[in-house]
């Protein structure tokens, strides 16, 4: 999963959602946008949706682990 090249737009959506989660302000619309982006990317890339979601969360929430 570490080698998935996520588009900047999907990374930005997940960053926004993560900031909202931490602030307690996540909306259904934001969560839906992230899930829709994940599903579209998974379909386009042929990577299983679960792997896309976990890789994206890891890239945004634990960037130091990705760099190692």
N, C-alpha and C. Protein backbone atom coordinates (compact mmCIF):
# COMPACT_ATOMS: atom_id res chain seq x y z
N UNK A 1 0.81 -1.20 0.00
CA UNK A 1 0.00 0.00 0.00
C UNK A 1 0.85 1.26 0.00
N UNK A 2 2.06 1.17 0.44
CA UNK A 2 2.90 2.35 0.57
C UNK A 2 3.20 3.00 -0.77
N UNK A 3 3.08 2.25 -1.86
CA UNK A 3 3.45 2.80 -3.16
C UNK A 3 2.26 3.29 -3.99
N UNK A 4 1.11 3.48 -3.36
CA UNK A 4 -0.04 4.01 -4.09
C UNK A 4 0.17 5.50 -4.31
N UNK A 5 0.02 5.93 -5.55
CA UNK A 5 0.15 7.35 -5.91
C UNK A 5 -1.24 7.98 -5.89
N UNK A 6 -1.58 8.60 -4.77
CA UNK A 6 -2.89 9.22 -4.65
C UNK A 6 -2.90 10.59 -5.34
N UNK A 7 -4.00 10.93 -6.00
CA UNK A 7 -4.10 12.27 -6.59
C UNK A 7 -4.18 13.31 -5.47
N UNK A 8 -3.66 14.50 -5.75
CA UNK A 8 -3.66 15.57 -4.76
C UNK A 8 -5.06 15.89 -4.27
N UNK A 9 -6.04 15.81 -5.16
CA UNK A 9 -7.42 16.13 -4.77
C UNK A 9 -7.95 15.15 -3.71
N UNK A 10 -7.60 13.88 -3.83
CA UNK A 10 -8.05 12.90 -2.86
C UNK A 10 -7.32 13.08 -1.53
N UNK A 11 -6.05 13.37 -1.59
CA UNK A 11 -5.29 13.66 -0.37
C UNK A 11 -5.86 14.88 0.35
N UNK A 12 -6.22 15.90 -0.41
CA UNK A 12 -6.79 17.11 0.18
C UNK A 12 -8.14 16.82 0.85
N UNK A 13 -8.96 16.00 0.22
CA UNK A 13 -10.24 15.62 0.82
C UNK A 13 -10.03 14.88 2.14
N UNK A 14 -9.11 13.93 2.15
CA UNK A 14 -8.86 13.17 3.38
C UNK A 14 -8.25 14.06 4.46
N UNK A 15 -7.37 14.98 4.08
CA UNK A 15 -6.80 15.91 5.07
C UNK A 15 -7.89 16.76 5.70
N UNK A 16 -8.80 17.25 4.88
CA UNK A 16 -9.91 18.06 5.37
C UNK A 16 -10.78 17.25 6.32
N UNK A 17 -11.10 16.02 5.93
CA UNK A 17 -11.93 15.17 6.78
C UNK A 17 -11.22 14.87 8.10
N UNK A 18 -9.92 14.60 8.05
CA UNK A 18 -9.16 14.29 9.26
C UNK A 18 -9.14 15.50 10.20
N UNK A 19 -8.94 16.69 9.65
CA UNK A 19 -8.97 17.91 10.47
C UNK A 19 -10.35 18.09 11.09
N UNK A 20 -11.40 17.81 10.31
CA UNK A 20 -12.77 17.92 10.83
C UNK A 20 -13.03 16.90 11.93
N UNK A 21 -12.53 15.69 11.76
CA UNK A 21 -12.70 14.66 12.78
C UNK A 21 -12.05 15.11 14.08
N UNK A 22 -10.84 15.61 13.98
CA UNK A 22 -10.11 16.06 15.17
C UNK A 22 -10.81 17.22 15.86
N UNK A 23 -11.45 18.08 15.09
CA UNK A 23 -12.15 19.23 15.65
C UNK A 23 -13.59 18.91 16.06
N UNK A 24 -14.05 17.71 15.71
CA UNK A 24 -15.42 17.32 16.03
C UNK A 24 -16.45 17.98 15.13
N UNK A 25 -16.04 18.32 13.91
CA UNK A 25 -16.94 19.03 12.99
C UNK A 25 -17.17 18.31 11.67
N UNK A 26 -16.85 17.03 11.61
CA UNK A 26 -17.02 16.29 10.37
C UNK A 26 -18.50 16.25 9.99
N UNK A 27 -18.77 16.56 8.73
CA UNK A 27 -20.15 16.51 8.23
C UNK A 27 -20.34 15.27 7.36
N UNK A 28 -21.58 14.93 7.17
CA UNK A 28 -21.90 13.80 6.29
C UNK A 28 -21.43 14.10 4.87
N UNK A 29 -21.57 15.34 4.44
CA UNK A 29 -21.16 15.72 3.08
C UNK A 29 -19.66 15.52 2.89
N UNK A 30 -18.86 15.90 3.87
CA UNK A 30 -17.41 15.72 3.76
C UNK A 30 -17.05 14.25 3.76
N UNK A 31 -17.64 13.50 4.67
CA UNK A 31 -17.37 12.06 4.73
C UNK A 31 -17.78 11.37 3.43
N UNK A 32 -18.93 11.76 2.89
CA UNK A 32 -19.41 11.19 1.62
C UNK A 32 -18.45 11.53 0.48
N UNK A 33 -17.95 12.76 0.45
CA UNK A 33 -17.03 13.16 -0.62
C UNK A 33 -15.76 12.31 -0.58
N UNK A 34 -15.26 12.05 0.61
CA UNK A 34 -14.06 11.22 0.74
C UNK A 34 -14.36 9.80 0.27
N UNK A 35 -15.47 9.23 0.72
CA UNK A 35 -15.82 7.87 0.33
C UNK A 35 -16.06 7.75 -1.17
N UNK A 36 -16.71 8.74 -1.75
CA UNK A 36 -16.92 8.73 -3.20
C UNK A 36 -15.58 8.81 -3.94
N UNK A 37 -14.67 9.64 -3.44
CA UNK A 37 -13.35 9.76 -4.04
C UNK A 37 -12.57 8.46 -3.95
N UNK A 38 -12.66 7.81 -2.81
CA UNK A 38 -11.98 6.52 -2.61
C UNK A 38 -12.54 5.48 -3.58
N UNK A 39 -13.85 5.41 -3.66
CA UNK A 39 -14.48 4.43 -4.55
C UNK A 39 -14.10 4.67 -6.01
N UNK A 40 -14.11 5.92 -6.43
CA UNK A 40 -13.77 6.25 -7.81
C UNK A 40 -12.30 5.91 -8.10
N UNK A 41 -11.42 6.25 -7.18
CA UNK A 41 -10.00 5.96 -7.37
C UNK A 41 -9.76 4.45 -7.40
N UNK A 42 -10.42 3.73 -6.52
CA UNK A 42 -10.25 2.27 -6.49
C UNK A 42 -10.70 1.65 -7.81
N UNK A 43 -11.83 2.10 -8.31
CA UNK A 43 -12.34 1.56 -9.57
C UNK A 43 -11.40 1.89 -10.73
N UNK A 44 -10.93 3.12 -10.76
CA UNK A 44 -10.05 3.57 -11.85
C UNK A 44 -8.71 2.85 -11.82
N UNK A 45 -8.16 2.67 -10.62
CA UNK A 45 -6.82 2.11 -10.48
C UNK A 45 -6.79 0.59 -10.44
N UNK A 46 -7.95 -0.02 -10.14
CA UNK A 46 -7.98 -1.47 -10.01
C UNK A 46 -7.46 -1.97 -8.67
N UNK A 47 -7.22 -1.06 -7.75
CA UNK A 47 -6.75 -1.41 -6.41
C UNK A 47 -7.99 -1.63 -5.54
N UNK A 48 -8.00 -2.68 -4.73
CA UNK A 48 -9.17 -2.89 -3.87
C UNK A 48 -9.50 -1.66 -3.02
N UNK A 49 -10.78 -1.38 -2.89
CA UNK A 49 -11.25 -0.19 -2.17
C UNK A 49 -10.70 -0.14 -0.76
N UNK A 50 -10.68 -1.27 -0.08
CA UNK A 50 -10.16 -1.32 1.29
C UNK A 50 -8.71 -0.87 1.33
N UNK A 51 -7.90 -1.35 0.39
CA UNK A 51 -6.49 -0.98 0.34
C UNK A 51 -6.31 0.51 0.06
N UNK A 52 -7.16 1.05 -0.81
CA UNK A 52 -7.11 2.48 -1.10
C UNK A 52 -7.43 3.27 0.16
N UNK A 53 -8.50 2.90 0.84
CA UNK A 53 -8.90 3.64 2.04
C UNK A 53 -7.84 3.57 3.13
N UNK A 54 -7.32 2.39 3.39
CA UNK A 54 -6.30 2.26 4.43
C UNK A 54 -5.01 2.98 4.05
N UNK A 55 -4.62 2.89 2.80
CA UNK A 55 -3.42 3.58 2.34
C UNK A 55 -3.56 5.09 2.42
N UNK A 56 -4.74 5.58 2.06
CA UNK A 56 -5.00 7.01 2.11
C UNK A 56 -4.97 7.51 3.55
N UNK A 57 -5.62 6.81 4.44
CA UNK A 57 -5.61 7.21 5.85
C UNK A 57 -4.19 7.19 6.40
N UNK A 58 -3.44 6.16 6.06
CA UNK A 58 -2.06 6.07 6.53
C UNK A 58 -1.23 7.24 5.98
N UNK A 59 -1.41 7.57 4.72
CA UNK A 59 -0.64 8.66 4.10
C UNK A 59 -0.93 10.00 4.76
N UNK A 60 -2.20 10.23 5.14
CA UNK A 60 -2.59 11.51 5.73
C UNK A 60 -2.35 11.54 7.23
N UNK A 61 -2.70 10.49 7.91
CA UNK A 61 -2.65 10.49 9.38
C UNK A 61 -1.30 10.11 9.95
N UNK A 62 -0.50 9.38 9.19
CA UNK A 62 0.81 8.92 9.67
C UNK A 62 1.87 9.11 8.58
N UNK A 63 2.08 10.33 8.12
CA UNK A 63 3.01 10.55 7.01
C UNK A 63 4.45 10.11 7.32
N UNK A 64 4.85 10.14 8.57
CA UNK A 64 6.21 9.73 8.92
C UNK A 64 6.41 8.24 8.63
N UNK A 65 5.38 7.44 8.85
CA UNK A 65 5.46 6.01 8.58
C UNK A 65 5.61 5.74 7.08
N UNK A 66 5.00 6.56 6.25
CA UNK A 66 5.10 6.42 4.80
C UNK A 66 6.50 6.75 4.31
N UNK A 67 7.14 7.71 4.95
CA UNK A 67 8.47 8.14 4.51
C UNK A 67 9.55 7.14 4.88
N UNK A 68 9.29 6.31 5.88
CA UNK A 68 10.29 5.35 6.37
C UNK A 68 10.49 4.20 5.43
